[in-house]
C-alpha atoms as a PDB file:
ATOM      1  CA  MET A   1     -38.139 125.897  34.546  1.00  0.00           C
ATOM      2  CA  THR A   2     -40.978 124.500  32.476  1.00  0.00           C
ATOM      3  CA  ARG A   3     -42.944 121.664  34.007  1.00  0.00           C
ATOM      4  CA  PHE A   4     -44.512 119.073  31.747  1.00  0.00           C
ATOM      5  CA  PHE A   5     -47.666 117.168  32.550  1.00  0.00           C
ATOM      6  CA  PHE A   6     -49.326 114.400  30.623  1.00  0.00           C
ATOM      7  CA  CYS A   7     -52.410 115.085  28.573  1.00  0.00           C
ATOM      8  CA  THR A   8     -54.443 112.251  27.199  1.00  0.00           C
ATOM      9  CA  ALA A   9     -56.132 112.220  23.822  1.00  0.00           C
ATOM     10  CA  ALA A  10     -58.287 109.295  22.838  1.00  0.00           C
ATOM     11  CA  ILE A  11     -59.787 108.457  19.509  1.00  0.00           C
ATOM     12  CA  ILE A  12     -62.526 105.900  19.876  1.00  0.00           C
ATOM     13  CA  ILE A  13     -63.029 103.835  16.754  1.00  0.00           C
ATOM     14  CA  GLY A  14     -66.557 102.604  16.305  1.00  0.00           C
ATOM     15  CA  ALA A  15     -68.213 101.530  19.524  1.00  0.00           C
ATOM     16  CA  THR A  16     -65.738  98.955  20.773  1.00  0.00           C
ATOM     17  CA  LEU A  17     -62.141 100.056  20.231  1.00  0.00           C
ATOM     18  CA  ALA A  18     -60.309 102.881  21.948  1.00  0.00           C
ATOM     19  CA  ALA A  19     -56.823 104.266  21.725  1.00  0.00           C
ATOM     20  CA  THR A  20     -55.570 106.249  24.691  1.00  0.00           C
ATOM     21  CA  VAL A  21     -52.697 108.507  23.876  1.00  0.00           C
ATOM     22  CA  PRO A  22     -50.290 110.093  26.367  1.00  0.00           C
ATOM     23  CA  ALA A  23     -48.546 113.139  24.953  1.00  0.00           C
ATOM     24  CA  ARG A  24     -46.321 115.739  26.577  1.00  0.00           C
ATOM     25  CA  ALA A  25     -47.952 119.127  26.777  1.00  0.00           C
ATOM     26  CA  GLN A  26     -47.378 122.242  28.847  1.00  0.00           C
ATOM     27  CA  SER A  27     -50.230 122.502  31.267  1.00  0.00           C
ATOM     28  CA  VAL A  28     -51.078 123.229  34.874  1.00  0.00           C
ATOM     29  CA  GLN A  29     -53.422 120.285  35.079  1.00  0.00           C
ATOM     30  CA  ASN A  30     -53.906 116.830  33.646  1.00  0.00           C
ATOM     31  CA  ASP A  31     -56.302 117.240  30.709  1.00  0.00           C
ATOM     32  CA  SER A  32     -57.966 114.594  28.618  1.00  0.00           C
ATOM     33  CA  ALA A  33     -60.329 114.455  25.689  1.00  0.00           C
ATOM     34  CA  SER A  34     -61.759 111.826  23.414  1.00  0.00           C
ATOM     35  CA  GLN A  35     -63.676 111.717  20.190  1.00  0.00           C
ATOM     36  CA  VAL A  36     -65.698 108.926  18.626  1.00  0.00           C
ATOM     37  CA  VAL A  37     -64.801 108.240  15.000  1.00  0.00           C
ATOM     38  CA  SER A  38     -67.299 106.032  13.210  1.00  0.00           C
ATOM     39  CA  LEU A  39     -65.876 103.714  10.592  1.00  0.00           C
ATOM     40  CA  ALA A  40     -68.984 101.551  10.380  1.00  0.00           C
ATOM     41  CA  ASP A  41     -69.817 102.768   6.871  1.00  0.00           C
ATOM     42  CA  LEU A  42     -66.354 101.906   5.490  1.00  0.00           C
ATOM     43  CA  ASN A  43     -65.054  98.700   3.979  1.00  0.00           C
ATOM     44  CA  LEU A  44     -61.664  98.576   5.663  1.00  0.00           C
ATOM     45  CA  ALA A  45     -60.557  95.746   3.379  1.00  0.00           C
ATOM     46  CA  THR A  46     -60.279  98.218   0.478  1.00  0.00           C
ATOM     47  CA  ALA A  47     -57.697 100.927  -0.206  1.00  0.00           C
ATOM     48  CA  GLN A  48     -60.494 103.490  -0.474  1.00  0.00           C
ATOM     49  CA  GLY A  49     -61.870 102.502   2.938  1.00  0.00           C
ATOM     50  CA  GLN A  50     -58.401 102.671   4.492  1.00  0.00           C
ATOM     51  CA  THR A  51     -57.743 106.106   2.972  1.00  0.00           C
ATOM     52  CA  GLU A  52     -61.025 107.500   4.285  1.00  0.00           C
ATOM     53  CA  ALA A  53     -60.419 105.972   7.724  1.00  0.00           C
ATOM     54  CA  ARG A  54     -56.966 107.588   7.914  1.00  0.00           C
ATOM     55  CA  ALA A  55     -58.457 110.951   6.925  1.00  0.00           C
ATOM     56  CA  ARG A  56     -61.117 110.726   9.635  1.00  0.00           C
ATOM     57  CA  LEU A  57     -58.573 109.693  12.264  1.00  0.00           C
ATOM     58  CA  GLY A  58     -56.248 112.525  11.267  1.00  0.00           C
ATOM     59  CA  LEU A  59     -59.009 115.103  11.648  1.00  0.00           C
ATOM     60  CA  ALA A  60     -60.016 113.648  15.008  1.00  0.00           C
ATOM     61  CA  ALA A  61     -56.402 113.778  16.229  1.00  0.00           C
ATOM     62  CA  GLU A  62     -56.128 117.432  15.198  1.00  0.00           C
ATOM     63  CA  HIS A  63     -59.399 118.299  16.908  1.00  0.00           C
ATOM     64  CA  ILE A  64     -58.813 116.631  20.255  1.00  0.00           C
ATOM     65  CA  CYS A  65     -55.179 117.717  20.557  1.00  0.00           C
ATOM     66  CA  ALA A  66     -56.167 121.315  19.823  1.00  0.00           C
ATOM     67  CA  LYS A  67     -58.901 120.999  22.437  1.00  0.00           C
ATOM     68  CA  ILE A  68     -56.642 119.759  25.238  1.00  0.00           C
ATOM     69  CA  GLY A  69     -53.610 121.769  24.184  1.00  0.00           C
ATOM     70  CA  ALA A  70     -55.096 125.150  23.334  1.00  0.00           C
ATOM     71  CA  ASN A  71     -52.453 126.940  25.403  1.00  0.00           C
ATOM     72  CA  ASP A  72     -49.585 124.612  24.494  1.00  0.00           C
ATOM     73  CA  SER A  73     -46.840 125.194  21.984  1.00  0.00           C
ATOM     74  CA  VAL A  74     -47.339 124.187  18.369  1.00  0.00           C
ATOM     75  CA  ASP A  75     -44.672 121.494  18.805  1.00  0.00           C
ATOM     76  CA  ASP A  76     -46.550 119.945  21.744  1.00  0.00           C
ATOM     77  CA  ARG A  77     -49.847 119.941  19.839  1.00  0.00           C
ATOM     78  CA  LEU A  78     -48.173 118.350  16.806  1.00  0.00           C
ATOM     79  CA  ALA A  79     -46.554 115.695  19.008  1.00  0.00           C
ATOM     80  CA  CYS A  80     -49.968 114.955  20.506  1.00  0.00           C
ATOM     81  CA  GLN A  81     -51.499 114.669  17.021  1.00  0.00           C
ATOM     82  CA  ARG A  82     -48.783 112.316  15.806  1.00  0.00           C
ATOM     83  CA  GLN A  83     -49.135 110.071  18.848  1.00  0.00           C
ATOM     84  CA  ALA A  84     -52.948 110.087  18.755  1.00  0.00           C
ATOM     85  CA  PHE A  85     -52.925 109.240  15.048  1.00  0.00           C
ATOM     86  CA  ARG A  86     -50.287 106.517  15.505  1.00  0.00           C
ATOM     87  CA  ASP A  87     -52.239 104.844  18.314  1.00  0.00           C
ATOM     88  CA  ALA A  88     -55.535 105.127  16.451  1.00  0.00           C
ATOM     89  CA  ARG A  89     -53.894 103.590  13.359  1.00  0.00           C
ATOM     90  CA  ARG A  90     -52.782 100.663  15.520  1.00  0.00           C
ATOM     91  CA  GLU A  91     -56.409 100.150  16.557  1.00  0.00           C
ATOM     92  CA  LEU A  92     -57.510 100.529  12.934  1.00  0.00           C
ATOM     93  CA  THR A  93     -55.071  97.796  11.898  1.00  0.00           C
ATOM     94  CA  HIS A  94     -56.593  95.430  14.460  1.00  0.00           C
ATOM     95  CA  LYS A  95     -60.101  96.323  13.308  1.00  0.00           C
ATOM     96  CA  THR A  96     -59.123  95.768   9.661  1.00  0.00           C
ATOM     97  CA  LEU A  97     -57.667  92.357  10.454  1.00  0.00           C
ATOM     98  CA  GLU A  98     -60.825  91.408  12.341  1.00  0.00           C
ATOM     99  CA  GLN A  99     -63.035  92.562   9.456  1.00  0.00           C
ATOM    100  CA  HIS A 100     -60.883  90.726   6.908  1.00  0.00           C
ATOM    101  CA  ALA A 101     -60.952  87.517   8.978  1.00  0.00           C
ATOM    102  CA  TYR A 102     -64.754  87.760   9.244  1.00  0.00           C
ATOM    103  CA  THR A 103     -65.045  88.288   5.483  1.00  0.00           C
ATOM    104  CA  GLU A 104     -62.793  85.284   4.822  1.00  0.00           C
ATOM    105  CA  VAL A 105     -64.843  83.036   7.115  1.00  0.00           C
ATOM    106  CA  ALA A 106     -68.126  84.258   5.638  1.00  0.00           C
ATOM    107  CA  SER A 107     -66.948  83.748   2.058  1.00  0.00           C
ATOM    108  CA  ASN A 108     -65.713  80.241   2.830  1.00  0.00           C
ATOM    109  CA  ALA A 109     -68.994  79.265   4.484  1.00  0.00           C
ATOM    110  CA  HIS A 110     -70.798  78.478   1.227  1.00  0.00           C
END
C-alpha cells in the first residue's frame, strides 16, 4: 500500500504575498520549499507584465516542486506544479487588482 503525505510548495510574490500550496506526493516525510518571485519590475496592469509574471511563476512552480518531489512520480510533481501555479496566480490576481486600484487613485488625484 502506498502512503501519501502532504508536501508544501510556496511561491512568494514580491515581499508581502505568499501562496502556500498543499500537494499530494509520495514521501516518507513532510517536505516543504518556497521560492521568492520578484514582480517588482513588472507593470501588472499590462498584458506584457501579466505574461512575464505567469512565466516567472510557472518556472518557480517547476523548480520548487522538483525540489520537494525529487523521488516522487511525474504525476505527483505535475500535480504539485499545477496547484502551486494556481495558488500563485490567485495571489497575482490580488496583487494586480491592488496595483490597478493604486494607479486609478493616483491618476485621479490631479
